Amino acid sequence: MPKTPDDVFNAMPEAFKPEKAGSVEMVLQFDLSGDHGGNWVVEIGNGECKTRSGTANKPVTKIHTSDADFMALFNRDLNAVAAYMSGRVRVEGDVVAIMNLLSFFELP
């Protein structure tokens, strides 16, 4: 089970299910604050998921949250809609893209 955001992003390519993503192509930027925070890019397209640390030139969506809230979302201890509505997660750009993202992965 991943313990930090870095662990999550490193595990994403292997957990990706291209049949669930279909022909979707998108670039997402995650900006996480906190001790285990940082910037990560998730690129989905051509049946692949690639992740890397850093920033994207033109992401369709930017997600801002804390490392703790990111892990709580990943572990399903925090409801994504509630986190968004309360301001614990801020989204710039295509909100639907981030809502669909989790359905593209087989998560533990």
N, C-alpha and C. Protein backbone atom coordinates (compact mmCIF):
# COMPACT_ATOMS: atom_id res chain seq x y z
N MET A 1 0.85 -1.18 0.00
CA MET A 1 0.00 0.00 0.00
C MET A 1 0.89 1.25 0.00
N PRO A 2 0.69 2.15 -0.95
CA PRO A 2 1.49 3.38 -0.99
C PRO A 2 1.33 4.21 0.29
N LYS A 3 2.44 4.78 0.73
CA LYS A 3 2.44 5.57 1.97
C LYS A 3 2.56 7.07 1.72
N THR A 4 3.11 7.45 0.56
CA THR A 4 3.31 8.86 0.24
C THR A 4 2.77 9.14 -1.17
N PRO A 5 2.55 10.42 -1.48
CA PRO A 5 2.13 10.75 -2.85
C PRO A 5 3.11 10.23 -3.90
N ASP A 6 4.39 10.30 -3.62
CA ASP A 6 5.38 9.80 -4.58
C ASP A 6 5.14 8.31 -4.87
N ASP A 7 4.83 7.54 -3.83
CA ASP A 7 4.52 6.12 -4.00
C ASP A 7 3.31 5.94 -4.92
N VAL A 8 2.29 6.77 -4.72
CA VAL A 8 1.06 6.69 -5.53
C VAL A 8 1.38 6.96 -6.99
N PHE A 9 2.08 8.06 -7.26
CA PHE A 9 2.38 8.41 -8.65
C PHE A 9 3.28 7.36 -9.32
N ASN A 10 4.20 6.79 -8.57
CA ASN A 10 5.06 5.74 -9.13
C ASN A 10 4.27 4.48 -9.46
N ALA A 11 3.20 4.21 -8.71
CA ALA A 11 2.40 3.00 -8.92
C ALA A 11 1.34 3.16 -10.01
N MET A 12 1.03 4.38 -10.37
CA MET A 12 -0.07 4.61 -11.31
C MET A 12 0.10 3.94 -12.68
N PRO A 13 1.26 4.00 -13.32
CA PRO A 13 1.36 3.36 -14.64
C PRO A 13 1.03 1.87 -14.63
N GLU A 14 1.43 1.17 -13.59
CA GLU A 14 1.16 -0.27 -13.51
C GLU A 14 -0.32 -0.55 -13.20
N ALA A 15 -0.95 0.34 -12.44
CA ALA A 15 -2.36 0.16 -12.06
C ALA A 15 -3.32 0.65 -13.15
N PHE A 16 -2.79 1.30 -14.17
CA PHE A 16 -3.61 1.87 -15.25
C PHE A 16 -4.27 0.77 -16.07
N LYS A 17 -5.55 0.95 -16.38
CA LYS A 17 -6.32 0.02 -17.20
C LYS A 17 -6.75 0.74 -18.47
N PRO A 18 -5.99 0.58 -19.56
CA PRO A 18 -6.27 1.33 -20.79
C PRO A 18 -7.68 1.12 -21.34
N GLU A 19 -8.24 -0.06 -21.12
CA GLU A 19 -9.59 -0.31 -21.62
C GLU A 19 -10.63 0.57 -20.92
N LYS A 20 -10.34 0.99 -19.70
CA LYS A 20 -11.25 1.87 -18.98
C LYS A 20 -11.12 3.31 -19.45
N ALA A 21 -9.93 3.69 -19.89
CA ALA A 21 -9.70 5.07 -20.35
C ALA A 21 -10.15 5.27 -21.79
N GLY A 22 -10.17 4.18 -22.56
CA GLY A 22 -10.57 4.29 -23.96
C GLY A 22 -9.64 5.23 -24.72
N SER A 23 -10.21 6.16 -25.46
CA SER A 23 -9.42 7.07 -26.28
C SER A 23 -9.12 8.40 -25.58
N VAL A 24 -9.34 8.45 -24.28
CA VAL A 24 -9.09 9.68 -23.52
C VAL A 24 -7.62 10.06 -23.60
N GLU A 25 -7.37 11.34 -23.83
CA GLU A 25 -6.02 11.90 -23.77
C GLU A 25 -6.08 13.13 -22.88
N MET A 26 -5.22 13.15 -21.87
CA MET A 26 -5.20 14.31 -20.97
C MET A 26 -3.89 14.38 -20.21
N VAL A 27 -3.59 15.59 -19.80
CA VAL A 27 -2.43 15.86 -18.96
C VAL A 27 -2.94 16.57 -17.71
N LEU A 28 -2.60 16.01 -16.55
CA LEU A 28 -3.03 16.57 -15.28
C LEU A 28 -1.81 17.00 -14.48
N GLN A 29 -1.95 18.11 -13.79
CA GLN A 29 -0.89 18.64 -12.93
C GLN A 29 -1.36 18.55 -11.48
N PHE A 30 -0.59 17.92 -10.63
CA PHE A 30 -0.88 17.85 -9.20
C PHE A 30 0.13 18.70 -8.46
N ASP A 31 -0.36 19.65 -7.67
CA ASP A 31 0.48 20.50 -6.84
C ASP A 31 0.09 20.23 -5.39
N LEU A 32 0.95 19.54 -4.66
CA LEU A 32 0.65 19.13 -3.30
C LEU A 32 1.54 19.86 -2.31
N SER A 33 0.93 20.37 -1.26
CA SER A 33 1.68 21.03 -0.19
C SER A 33 1.97 20.01 0.91
N GLY A 34 2.81 20.38 1.85
CA GLY A 34 3.11 19.52 2.98
C GLY A 34 4.49 18.90 2.89
N ASP A 35 4.84 18.15 3.93
CA ASP A 35 6.15 17.53 4.03
C ASP A 35 6.46 16.57 2.88
N HIS A 36 5.42 15.90 2.37
CA HIS A 36 5.60 14.96 1.26
C HIS A 36 4.99 15.52 -0.02
N GLY A 37 4.88 16.83 -0.07
CA GLY A 37 4.30 17.49 -1.23
C GLY A 37 5.28 17.63 -2.37
N GLY A 38 4.81 18.27 -3.41
CA GLY A 38 5.62 18.49 -4.59
C GLY A 38 4.72 18.62 -5.80
N ASN A 39 5.31 18.58 -6.96
CA ASN A 39 4.57 18.70 -8.22
C ASN A 39 4.74 17.42 -9.02
N TRP A 40 3.62 16.90 -9.54
CA TRP A 40 3.63 15.69 -10.36
C TRP A 40 2.73 15.90 -11.58
N VAL A 41 3.10 15.23 -12.65
CA VAL A 41 2.33 15.26 -13.89
C VAL A 41 1.87 13.84 -14.19
N VAL A 42 0.60 13.73 -14.58
CA VAL A 42 0.03 12.45 -15.03
C VAL A 42 -0.41 12.66 -16.48
N GLU A 43 0.15 11.87 -17.38
CA GLU A 43 -0.19 11.94 -18.80
C GLU A 43 -0.88 10.65 -19.21
N ILE A 44 -2.08 10.78 -19.75
CA ILE A 44 -2.84 9.62 -20.22
C ILE A 44 -3.12 9.81 -21.69
N GLY A 45 -2.78 8.79 -22.47
CA GLY A 45 -3.03 8.84 -23.91
C GLY A 45 -2.42 7.65 -24.61
N ASN A 46 -2.96 7.31 -25.75
CA ASN A 46 -2.46 6.17 -26.55
C ASN A 46 -2.38 4.89 -25.75
N GLY A 47 -3.34 4.71 -24.85
CA GLY A 47 -3.38 3.47 -24.07
C GLY A 47 -2.33 3.38 -22.97
N GLU A 48 -1.73 4.49 -22.60
CA GLU A 48 -0.68 4.48 -21.58
C GLU A 48 -0.92 5.55 -20.52
N CYS A 49 -0.34 5.32 -19.37
CA CYS A 49 -0.29 6.32 -18.31
C CYS A 49 1.18 6.51 -17.96
N LYS A 50 1.61 7.77 -18.00
CA LYS A 50 2.97 8.11 -17.62
C LYS A 50 2.90 9.14 -16.51
N THR A 51 3.78 9.01 -15.55
CA THR A 51 3.85 9.98 -14.46
C THR A 51 5.29 10.44 -14.31
N ARG A 52 5.42 11.66 -13.81
CA ARG A 52 6.76 12.20 -13.55
C ARG A 52 6.63 13.34 -12.56
N SER A 53 7.69 13.62 -11.87
CA SER A 53 7.69 14.80 -11.02
C SER A 53 7.94 16.01 -11.91
N GLY A 54 7.48 17.17 -11.47
CA GLY A 54 7.67 18.38 -12.24
C GLY A 54 6.35 19.03 -12.61
N THR A 55 6.41 19.89 -13.61
CA THR A 55 5.22 20.62 -14.03
C THR A 55 4.96 20.39 -15.52
N ALA A 56 3.69 20.54 -15.89
CA ALA A 56 3.27 20.36 -17.28
C ALA A 56 3.10 21.72 -17.93
N ASN A 57 3.38 21.80 -19.23
CA ASN A 57 3.21 23.06 -19.96
C ASN A 57 1.75 23.47 -20.08
N LYS A 58 0.90 22.54 -20.51
CA LYS A 58 -0.51 22.87 -20.74
C LYS A 58 -1.42 21.75 -20.22
N PRO A 59 -1.52 21.61 -18.89
CA PRO A 59 -2.41 20.58 -18.36
C PRO A 59 -3.87 20.96 -18.58
N VAL A 60 -4.72 19.96 -18.76
CA VAL A 60 -6.16 20.24 -18.87
C VAL A 60 -6.74 20.56 -17.51
N THR A 61 -6.07 20.06 -16.48
CA THR A 61 -6.54 20.28 -15.11
C THR A 61 -5.35 20.39 -14.18
N LYS A 62 -5.46 21.32 -13.22
CA LYS A 62 -4.48 21.44 -12.13
C LYS A 62 -5.22 21.17 -10.83
N ILE A 63 -4.63 20.31 -10.01
CA ILE A 63 -5.22 19.94 -8.73
C ILE A 63 -4.29 20.42 -7.63
N HIS A 64 -4.85 21.17 -6.70
CA HIS A 64 -4.09 21.70 -5.56
C HIS A 64 -4.70 21.14 -4.28
N THR A 65 -3.88 20.49 -3.47
CA THR A 65 -4.33 20.00 -2.17
C THR A 65 -3.09 19.71 -1.32
N SER A 66 -3.32 19.27 -0.11
CA SER A 66 -2.19 18.90 0.75
C SER A 66 -1.83 17.44 0.52
N ASP A 67 -0.62 17.09 0.90
CA ASP A 67 -0.21 15.69 0.79
C ASP A 67 -1.10 14.79 1.63
N ALA A 68 -1.49 15.26 2.82
CA ALA A 68 -2.34 14.46 3.70
C ALA A 68 -3.73 14.25 3.08
N ASP A 69 -4.30 15.29 2.51
CA ASP A 69 -5.62 15.14 1.88
C ASP A 69 -5.54 14.28 0.62
N PHE A 70 -4.46 14.39 -0.13
CA PHE A 70 -4.28 13.54 -1.31
C PHE A 70 -4.27 12.07 -0.90
N MET A 71 -3.53 11.74 0.14
CA MET A 71 -3.46 10.36 0.60
C MET A 71 -4.81 9.91 1.16
N ALA A 72 -5.52 10.79 1.85
CA ALA A 72 -6.85 10.44 2.36
C ALA A 72 -7.81 10.16 1.21
N LEU A 73 -7.71 10.94 0.14
CA LEU A 73 -8.53 10.69 -1.05
C LEU A 73 -8.17 9.33 -1.66
N PHE A 74 -6.90 9.08 -1.82
CA PHE A 74 -6.42 7.83 -2.40
C PHE A 74 -6.88 6.63 -1.58
N ASN A 75 -6.80 6.75 -0.27
CA ASN A 75 -7.18 5.65 0.63
C ASN A 75 -8.69 5.59 0.88
N ARG A 76 -9.42 6.47 0.23
CA ARG A 76 -10.89 6.55 0.35
C ARG A 76 -11.34 6.90 1.77
N ASP A 77 -10.50 7.64 2.48
CA ASP A 77 -10.86 8.13 3.81
C ASP A 77 -11.46 9.53 3.73
N LEU A 78 -11.41 10.13 2.55
CA LEU A 78 -11.95 11.47 2.32
C LEU A 78 -12.73 11.44 1.03
N ASN A 79 -13.97 11.90 1.08
CA ASN A 79 -14.82 11.95 -0.10
C ASN A 79 -14.37 13.09 -1.00
N ALA A 80 -14.15 12.79 -2.28
CA ALA A 80 -13.62 13.77 -3.22
C ALA A 80 -14.56 14.97 -3.40
N VAL A 81 -15.85 14.73 -3.50
CA VAL A 81 -16.80 15.83 -3.69
C VAL A 81 -16.82 16.72 -2.45
N ALA A 82 -16.83 16.11 -1.27
CA ALA A 82 -16.83 16.88 -0.03
C ALA A 82 -15.54 17.69 0.09
N ALA A 83 -14.41 17.09 -0.28
CA ALA A 83 -13.12 17.80 -0.22
C ALA A 83 -13.12 18.99 -1.17
N TYR A 84 -13.67 18.80 -2.35
CA TYR A 84 -13.75 19.89 -3.34
C TYR A 84 -14.68 20.99 -2.84
N MET A 85 -15.85 20.62 -2.37
CA MET A 85 -16.84 21.60 -1.93
C MET A 85 -16.36 22.40 -0.71
N SER A 86 -15.56 21.78 0.14
CA SER A 86 -15.07 22.46 1.34
C SER A 86 -13.79 23.25 1.09
N GLY A 87 -13.23 23.15 -0.12
CA GLY A 87 -12.02 23.89 -0.44
C GLY A 87 -10.74 23.17 -0.08
N ARG A 88 -10.83 21.95 0.39
CA ARG A 88 -9.61 21.19 0.73
C ARG A 88 -8.89 20.74 -0.54
N VAL A 89 -9.63 20.66 -1.64
CA VAL A 89 -9.07 20.37 -2.95
C VAL A 89 -9.53 21.48 -3.89
N ARG A 90 -8.58 22.14 -4.55
CA ARG A 90 -8.92 23.16 -5.55
C ARG A 90 -8.58 22.61 -6.92
N VAL A 91 -9.46 22.85 -7.86
CA VAL A 91 -9.26 22.36 -9.21
C VAL A 91 -9.35 23.52 -10.18
N GLU A 92 -8.35 23.64 -11.04
CA GLU A 92 -8.36 24.62 -12.12
C GLU A 92 -8.49 23.86 -13.43
N GLY A 93 -9.41 24.29 -14.26
CA GLY A 93 -9.56 23.63 -15.56
C GLY A 93 -10.72 22.67 -15.57
N ASP A 94 -10.54 21.56 -16.27
CA ASP A 94 -11.60 20.58 -16.52
C ASP A 94 -11.83 19.70 -15.29
N VAL A 95 -12.88 20.00 -14.53
CA VAL A 95 -13.20 19.26 -13.31
C VAL A 95 -13.60 17.83 -13.66
N VAL A 96 -14.27 17.62 -14.78
CA VAL A 96 -14.71 16.28 -15.18
C VAL A 96 -13.51 15.36 -15.38
N ALA A 97 -12.42 15.89 -15.90
CA ALA A 97 -11.23 15.07 -16.13
C ALA A 97 -10.75 14.42 -14.85
N ILE A 98 -10.71 15.17 -13.77
CA ILE A 98 -10.23 14.60 -12.50
C ILE A 98 -11.26 13.64 -11.92
N MET A 99 -12.54 13.91 -12.16
CA MET A 99 -13.57 13.01 -11.65
C MET A 99 -13.50 11.64 -12.34
N ASN A 100 -13.12 11.61 -13.60
CA ASN A 100 -13.00 10.36 -14.34
C ASN A 100 -11.70 9.62 -14.05
N LEU A 101 -10.70 10.33 -13.59
CA LEU A 101 -9.36 9.75 -13.45
C LEU A 101 -9.33 8.45 -12.65
N LEU A 102 -9.93 8.43 -11.49
CA LEU A 102 -9.84 7.25 -10.63
C LEU A 102 -10.44 6.01 -11.28
N SER A 103 -11.41 6.20 -12.17
CA SER A 103 -12.02 5.04 -12.82
C SER A 103 -11.09 4.36 -13.81
N PHE A 104 -9.96 4.99 -14.15
CA PHE A 104 -9.01 4.43 -15.11
C PHE A 104 -7.99 3.49 -14.46
N PHE A 105 -8.10 3.31 -13.15
CA PHE A 105 -7.08 2.55 -12.42
C PHE A 105 -7.72 1.45 -11.58
N GLU A 106 -7.00 0.38 -11.42
CA GLU A 106 -7.37 -0.68 -10.49
C GLU A 106 -6.54 -0.44 -9.24
N LEU A 107 -7.16 0.23 -8.28
CA LEU A 107 -6.44 0.62 -7.07
C LEU A 107 -6.64 -0.42 -5.98
N PRO A 108 -5.64 -0.55 -5.12
CA PRO A 108 -5.77 -1.52 -4.02
C PRO A 108 -6.86 -1.13 -3.04
